[in-house]
C-alpha atoms as a PDB file:
ATOM      1  CA  MET A   1      12.537 -46.539   7.024  1.00  0.00           C
ATOM      2  CA  ASN A   2      15.059 -43.816   6.163  1.00  0.00           C
ATOM      3  CA  SER A   3      12.867 -41.059   7.629  1.00  0.00           C
ATOM      4  CA  ILE A   4      12.570 -43.031  10.863  1.00  0.00           C
ATOM      5  CA  SER A   5      16.346 -43.377  10.991  1.00  0.00           C
ATOM      6  CA  ASN A   6      16.794 -39.638  10.383  1.00  0.00           C
ATOM      7  CA  GLY A   7      14.238 -38.866  13.077  1.00  0.00           C
ATOM      8  CA  ALA A   8      16.071 -41.071  15.559  1.00  0.00           C
ATOM      9  CA  LYS A   9      19.371 -39.379  14.708  1.00  0.00           C
ATOM     10  CA  GLU A  10      17.826 -35.934  15.238  1.00  0.00           C
ATOM     11  CA  LEU A  11      16.355 -37.016  18.585  1.00  0.00           C
ATOM     12  CA  ASN A  12      19.726 -38.404  19.652  1.00  0.00           C
ATOM     13  CA  LEU A  13      21.376 -35.130  18.593  1.00  0.00           C
ATOM     14  CA  LYS A  14      18.861 -33.139  20.644  1.00  0.00           C
ATOM     15  CA  GLU A  15      19.586 -35.329  23.674  1.00  0.00           C
ATOM     16  CA  GLN A  16      23.334 -34.804  23.242  1.00  0.00           C
ATOM     17  CA  ILE A  17      22.891 -31.037  22.991  1.00  0.00           C
ATOM     18  CA  HIS A  18      20.676 -31.060  26.073  1.00  0.00           C
ATOM     19  CA  GLN A  19      23.377 -32.963  27.995  1.00  0.00           C
ATOM     20  CA  ILE A  20      26.051 -30.511  26.863  1.00  0.00           C
ATOM     21  CA  ILE A  21      23.954 -27.528  27.944  1.00  0.00           C
ATOM     22  CA  TYR A  22      23.230 -29.189  31.292  1.00  0.00           C
ATOM     23  CA  LEU A  23      26.926 -29.853  31.910  1.00  0.00           C
ATOM     24  CA  ILE A  24      27.782 -26.227  31.165  1.00  0.00           C
ATOM     25  CA  LYS A  25      24.862 -24.385  32.757  1.00  0.00           C
ATOM     26  CA  HIS A  26      24.271 -26.494  35.871  1.00  0.00           C
ATOM     27  CA  ARG A  27      27.661 -28.043  36.582  1.00  0.00           C
ATOM     28  CA  SER A  28      30.167 -25.711  34.894  1.00  0.00           C
ATOM     29  CA  ASP A  29      31.758 -28.920  33.594  1.00  0.00           C
ATOM     30  CA  TYR A  30      33.339 -27.810  30.348  1.00  0.00           C
ATOM     31  CA  SER A  31      35.719 -30.762  30.279  1.00  0.00           C
ATOM     32  CA  ASN A  32      32.971 -33.399  30.081  1.00  0.00           C
ATOM     33  CA  ALA A  33      30.915 -31.228  27.723  1.00  0.00           C
ATOM     34  CA  ALA A  34      33.944 -31.039  25.419  1.00  0.00           C
ATOM     35  CA  LYS A  35      34.458 -34.793  25.692  1.00  0.00           C
ATOM     36  CA  LEU A  36      30.814 -35.395  24.758  1.00  0.00           C
ATOM     37  CA  MET A  37      31.147 -33.124  21.739  1.00  0.00           C
ATOM     38  CA  LEU A  38      34.322 -34.878  20.570  1.00  0.00           C
ATOM     39  CA  GLU A  39      32.854 -38.367  21.086  1.00  0.00           C
ATOM     40  CA  ASN A  40      29.834 -37.456  18.978  1.00  0.00           C
ATOM     41  CA  ASP A  41      31.733 -35.438  16.363  1.00  0.00           C
ATOM     42  CA  LEU A  42      29.608 -32.378  17.140  1.00  0.00           C
ATOM     43  CA  SER A  43      30.979 -28.993  16.095  1.00  0.00           C
ATOM     44  CA  ILE A  44      30.624 -25.684  17.896  1.00  0.00           C
ATOM     45  CA  GLU A  45      28.752 -24.389  14.844  1.00  0.00           C
ATOM     46  CA  ALA A  46      26.270 -27.277  14.993  1.00  0.00           C
ATOM     47  CA  LEU A  47      25.729 -26.582  18.690  1.00  0.00           C
ATOM     48  CA  ARG A  48      25.214 -22.848  18.092  1.00  0.00           C
ATOM     49  CA  LYS A  49      22.690 -23.528  15.323  1.00  0.00           C
ATOM     50  CA  ARG A  50      20.574 -25.666  17.619  1.00  0.00           C
ATOM     51  CA  THR A  51      20.503 -23.589  20.794  1.00  0.00           C
ATOM     52  CA  LEU A  52      20.525 -20.019  21.990  1.00  0.00           C
ATOM     53  CA  LYS A  53      20.949 -21.020  25.624  1.00  0.00           C
ATOM     54  CA  LEU A  54      24.722 -20.634  25.755  1.00  0.00           C
ATOM     55  CA  SER A  55      26.422 -17.263  26.043  1.00  0.00           C
ATOM     56  CA  GLN A  56      29.418 -16.332  23.920  1.00  0.00           C
ATOM     57  CA  LEU A  57      31.630 -16.696  26.987  1.00  0.00           C
ATOM     58  CA  GLU A  58      30.327 -20.225  27.594  1.00  0.00           C
ATOM     59  CA  ILE A  59      30.907 -21.109  23.923  1.00  0.00           C
ATOM     60  CA  ALA A  60      34.457 -19.731  24.175  1.00  0.00           C
ATOM     61  CA  LYS A  61      35.180 -21.745  27.343  1.00  0.00           C
ATOM     62  CA  LEU A  62      33.800 -24.857  25.657  1.00  0.00           C
ATOM     63  CA  ALA A  63      35.975 -24.250  22.596  1.00  0.00           C
ATOM     64  CA  ASP A  64      39.018 -23.891  24.879  1.00  0.00           C
ATOM     65  CA  SER A  65      38.161 -27.180  26.575  1.00  0.00           C
ATOM     66  CA  ILE A  66      37.792 -28.923  23.225  1.00  0.00           C
ATOM     67  CA  TYR A  67      41.157 -27.545  22.117  1.00  0.00           C
ATOM     68  CA  GLU A  68      42.801 -28.704  25.352  1.00  0.00           C
ATOM     69  CA  SER A  69      41.239 -32.180  24.982  1.00  0.00           C
ATOM     70  CA  LYS A  70      42.658 -32.591  21.499  1.00  0.00           C
ATOM     71  CA  GLY A  71      46.175 -31.514  22.442  1.00  0.00           C
END
């Protein structure tokens, strides 16, 4: 049962990352991407480890949006 739970968590994480990438790449919506990351307690490092689709500039803009959302 535990491996099924871990598999479901990984699938959910992949879906979240896909949504974040979509928001950034197709909508340039860094605000909602940041909100999604904060709601799911997803770090920039975790995002970077799981995708190569975002440029350093996009990562920096996302980090700025996360910072602005927290403050």
